[in-house]
Amino acid sequence: MAIISGHSREDRIKKEYNRLKRLLKELPKEKLSAADGVIKRVAFMAITLEDLEDDINDNGTVEEFTQGENTYDRQRPAATIYNATIKNYTNACKQLTDLIPAEKKKTDGNDPFQKIMGRGG
């Protein structure tokens, strides 16, 4: 999940926001409008997760930590933040999926949850 070079964080968030809006375009206008805040948060979290994944891939999940005379390994803050964010991201994606009418979920043949969670589309 490499960061696209030449694209600012804001551009990447906007691109993800637009991708999610396209996936949810068939929602009734009032539902889509009500979900806009969640869509923005999901887009932000998706890009944050990508950035954290790159950091974790480069630096690992554990670091050596010294406190006084003691040295020990601890989970890096990026890994801690990633773990909390992925849970919130998954829950928010589920909220968006739940807005899709049941008849759309059954006739489409594709899992809407996977479409929302997926990237690159």
C-alpha atoms as a PDB file:
ATOM      1  CA  MET A   1       0.000   0.000   0.000  1.00  0.00           C
ATOM      2  CA  ALA A   2       2.616   2.443  -1.037  1.00  0.00           C
ATOM      3  CA  ILE A   3       1.851   6.105  -0.833  1.00  0.00           C
ATOM      4  CA  ILE A   4       1.296   7.534  -4.300  1.00  0.00           C
ATOM      5  CA  SER A   5       4.246   9.843  -4.906  1.00  0.00           C
ATOM      6  CA  GLY A   6       3.393  13.363  -5.861  1.00  0.00           C
ATOM      7  CA  HIS A   7      -0.014  13.236  -4.201  1.00  0.00           C
ATOM      8  CA  SER A   8      -0.618  15.106  -0.988  1.00  0.00           C
ATOM      9  CA  ARG A   9      -2.378  13.476   1.920  1.00  0.00           C
ATOM     10  CA  GLU A  10      -5.379  15.733   1.286  1.00  0.00           C
ATOM     11  CA  ASP A  11      -5.520  14.650  -2.373  1.00  0.00           C
ATOM     12  CA  ARG A  12      -5.420  10.991  -1.383  1.00  0.00           C
ATOM     13  CA  ILE A  13      -8.208  11.491   1.172  1.00  0.00           C
ATOM     14  CA  LYS A  14     -10.317  13.321  -1.423  1.00  0.00           C
ATOM     15  CA  LYS A  15      -9.745  10.522  -3.956  1.00  0.00           C
ATOM     16  CA  GLU A  16     -10.851   7.916  -1.406  1.00  0.00           C
ATOM     17  CA  TYR A  17     -13.866  10.040  -0.428  1.00  0.00           C
ATOM     18  CA  ASN A  18     -14.919  10.223  -4.090  1.00  0.00           C
ATOM     19  CA  ARG A  19     -14.429   6.454  -4.499  1.00  0.00           C
ATOM     20  CA  LEU A  20     -16.718   5.787  -1.534  1.00  0.00           C
ATOM     21  CA  LYS A  21     -19.329   8.259  -2.803  1.00  0.00           C
ATOM     22  CA  ARG A  22     -19.359   6.437  -6.172  1.00  0.00           C
ATOM     23  CA  LEU A  23     -19.862   3.093  -4.429  1.00  0.00           C
ATOM     24  CA  LEU A  24     -22.794   4.524  -2.481  1.00  0.00           C
ATOM     25  CA  LYS A  25     -24.314   6.575  -5.309  1.00  0.00           C
ATOM     26  CA  GLU A  26     -27.476   4.458  -5.424  1.00  0.00           C
ATOM     27  CA  LEU A  27     -28.420   5.311  -1.852  1.00  0.00           C
ATOM     28  CA  PRO A  28     -31.429   7.591  -1.442  1.00  0.00           C
ATOM     29  CA  LYS A  29     -30.263  11.189  -1.381  1.00  0.00           C
ATOM     30  CA  GLU A  30     -31.250  11.719   2.266  1.00  0.00           C
ATOM     31  CA  LYS A  31     -29.311   8.634   3.393  1.00  0.00           C
ATOM     32  CA  LEU A  32     -26.265   9.647   1.385  1.00  0.00           C
ATOM     33  CA  SER A  33     -26.412  13.143   2.830  1.00  0.00           C
ATOM     34  CA  ALA A  34     -26.747  11.804   6.379  1.00  0.00           C
ATOM     35  CA  ALA A  35     -23.812   9.438   5.821  1.00  0.00           C
ATOM     36  CA  ASP A  36     -21.485  12.117   4.472  1.00  0.00           C
ATOM     37  CA  GLY A  37     -19.686  12.583   7.788  1.00  0.00           C
ATOM     38  CA  VAL A  38     -19.065   8.855   8.107  1.00  0.00           C
ATOM     39  CA  ILE A  39     -17.833   8.735   4.501  1.00  0.00           C
ATOM     40  CA  LYS A  40     -15.352  11.532   5.262  1.00  0.00           C
ATOM     41  CA  ARG A  41     -14.110   9.720   8.380  1.00  0.00           C
ATOM     42  CA  VAL A  42     -13.742   6.431   6.502  1.00  0.00           C
ATOM     43  CA  ALA A  43     -11.738   8.161   3.763  1.00  0.00           C
ATOM     44  CA  PHE A  44      -9.491   9.780   6.373  1.00  0.00           C
ATOM     45  CA  MET A  45      -8.990   6.492   8.223  1.00  0.00           C
ATOM     46  CA  ALA A  46      -8.209   4.598   4.994  1.00  0.00           C
ATOM     47  CA  ILE A  47      -5.386   6.983   4.129  1.00  0.00           C
ATOM     48  CA  THR A  48      -4.165   7.077   7.736  1.00  0.00           C
ATOM     49  CA  LEU A  49      -4.031   3.279   7.729  1.00  0.00           C
ATOM     50  CA  GLU A  50      -2.019   3.288   4.493  1.00  0.00           C
ATOM     51  CA  ASP A  51       0.477   5.724   6.002  1.00  0.00           C
ATOM     52  CA  LEU A  52       0.730   3.693   9.199  1.00  0.00           C
ATOM     53  CA  GLU A  53       1.206   0.480   7.196  1.00  0.00           C
ATOM     54  CA  ASP A  54       4.106   2.066   5.320  1.00  0.00           C
ATOM     55  CA  ASP A  55       5.662   3.185   8.608  1.00  0.00           C
ATOM     56  CA  ILE A  56       5.223  -0.273  10.144  1.00  0.00           C
ATOM     57  CA  ASN A  57       6.682  -1.953   7.046  1.00  0.00           C
ATOM     58  CA  ASP A  58       9.717   0.338   7.253  1.00  0.00           C
ATOM     59  CA  ASN A  59      10.224   0.338  11.031  1.00  0.00           C
ATOM     60  CA  GLY A  60       8.475  -2.732  12.407  1.00  0.00           C
ATOM     61  CA  THR A  61       5.943  -3.034  15.211  1.00  0.00           C
ATOM     62  CA  VAL A  62       8.357  -3.194  18.151  1.00  0.00           C
ATOM     63  CA  GLU A  63      11.034  -0.795  19.345  1.00  0.00           C
ATOM     64  CA  GLU A  64      13.602  -0.825  22.072  1.00  0.00           C
ATOM     65  CA  PHE A  65      12.631   1.440  24.943  1.00  0.00           C
ATOM     66  CA  THR A  66      14.844   2.600  27.790  1.00  0.00           C
ATOM     67  CA  GLN A  67      13.492   3.840  31.071  1.00  0.00           C
ATOM     68  CA  GLY A  68      16.101   4.541  33.694  1.00  0.00           C
ATOM     69  CA  GLU A  69      18.495   1.597  33.706  1.00  0.00           C
ATOM     70  CA  ASN A  70      15.976  -0.803  32.166  1.00  0.00           C
ATOM     71  CA  THR A  71      15.706  -1.501  28.459  1.00  0.00           C
ATOM     72  CA  TYR A  72      12.884  -3.496  26.985  1.00  0.00           C
ATOM     73  CA  ASP A  73      10.898  -3.975  23.785  1.00  0.00           C
ATOM     74  CA  ARG A  74       7.540  -2.290  23.419  1.00  0.00           C
ATOM     75  CA  GLN A  75       4.972  -1.889  20.708  1.00  0.00           C
ATOM     76  CA  ARG A  76       5.689   1.160  18.583  1.00  0.00           C
ATOM     77  CA  PRO A  77       3.108   3.957  18.772  1.00  0.00           C
ATOM     78  CA  ALA A  78       2.380   3.541  15.040  1.00  0.00           C
ATOM     79  CA  ALA A  79       1.380  -0.081  15.647  1.00  0.00           C
ATOM     80  CA  THR A  80      -0.833   0.891  18.584  1.00  0.00           C
ATOM     81  CA  ILE A  81      -2.545   3.609  16.561  1.00  0.00           C
ATOM     82  CA  TYR A  82      -2.937   1.232  13.617  1.00  0.00           C
ATOM     83  CA  ASN A  83      -4.652  -1.396  15.773  1.00  0.00           C
ATOM     84  CA  ALA A  84      -7.147   1.117  17.163  1.00  0.00           C
ATOM     85  CA  THR A  85      -7.776   2.745  13.775  1.00  0.00           C
ATOM     86  CA  ILE A  86      -8.379  -0.518  11.901  1.00  0.00           C
ATOM     87  CA  LYS A  87     -11.105  -1.458  14.388  1.00  0.00           C
ATOM     88  CA  ASN A  88     -12.808   1.914  13.986  1.00  0.00           C
ATOM     89  CA  TYR A  89     -12.393   1.774  10.205  1.00  0.00           C
ATOM     90  CA  THR A  90     -13.989  -1.662   9.998  1.00  0.00           C
ATOM     91  CA  ASN A  91     -16.922  -0.546  12.157  1.00  0.00           C
ATOM     92  CA  ALA A  92     -17.451   2.605  10.079  1.00  0.00           C
ATOM     93  CA  CYS A  93     -17.319   0.592   6.825  1.00  0.00           C
ATOM     94  CA  LYS A  94     -19.941  -1.735   8.282  1.00  0.00           C
ATOM     95  CA  GLN A  95     -22.148   1.282   9.067  1.00  0.00           C
ATOM     96  CA  LEU A  96     -21.913   2.390   5.445  1.00  0.00           C
ATOM     97  CA  THR A  97     -22.651  -1.117   4.192  1.00  0.00           C
ATOM     98  CA  ASP A  98     -25.718  -1.299   6.401  1.00  0.00           C
ATOM     99  CA  LEU A  99     -27.143   1.719   4.556  1.00  0.00           C
ATOM    100  CA  ILE A 100     -27.306  -0.254   1.301  1.00  0.00           C
ATOM    101  CA  PRO A 101     -30.812  -1.642   0.771  1.00  0.00           C
ATOM    102  CA  ALA A 102     -31.087  -5.426   1.103  1.00  0.00           C
ATOM    103  CA  GLU A 103     -32.316  -5.840  -2.477  1.00  0.00           C
ATOM    104  CA  LYS A 104     -29.179  -4.143  -3.799  1.00  0.00           C
ATOM    105  CA  LYS A 105     -26.971  -6.426  -1.728  1.00  0.00           C
ATOM    106  CA  LYS A 106     -28.617  -9.572  -3.084  1.00  0.00           C
ATOM    107  CA  THR A 107     -28.810  -8.670  -6.769  1.00  0.00           C
ATOM    108  CA  ASP A 108     -25.344  -7.223  -7.145  1.00  0.00           C
ATOM    109  CA  GLY A 109     -23.446 -10.459  -6.514  1.00  0.00           C
ATOM    110  CA  ASN A 110     -20.531  -8.553  -4.960  1.00  0.00           C
ATOM    111  CA  ASP A 111     -20.097  -8.088  -1.248  1.00  0.00           C
ATOM    112  CA  PRO A 112     -20.657  -4.357  -0.585  1.00  0.00           C
ATOM    113  CA  PHE A 113     -18.592  -4.525   2.604  1.00  0.00           C
ATOM    114  CA  GLN A 114     -15.596  -5.799   0.626  1.00  0.00           C
ATOM    115  CA  LYS A 115     -16.127  -3.113  -2.017  1.00  0.00           C
ATOM    116  CA  ILE A 116     -16.122  -0.363   0.589  1.00  0.00           C
ATOM    117  CA  MET A 117     -13.104  -1.785   2.426  1.00  0.00           C
ATOM    118  CA  GLY A 118     -11.247  -2.441  -0.841  1.00  0.00           C
ATOM    119  CA  ARG A 119      -8.936   0.124  -2.362  1.00  0.00           C
ATOM    120  CA  GLY A 120      -7.713   0.856  -5.821  1.00  0.00           C
ATOM    121  CA  GLY A 121     -11.126   0.723  -7.503  1.00  0.00           C
END
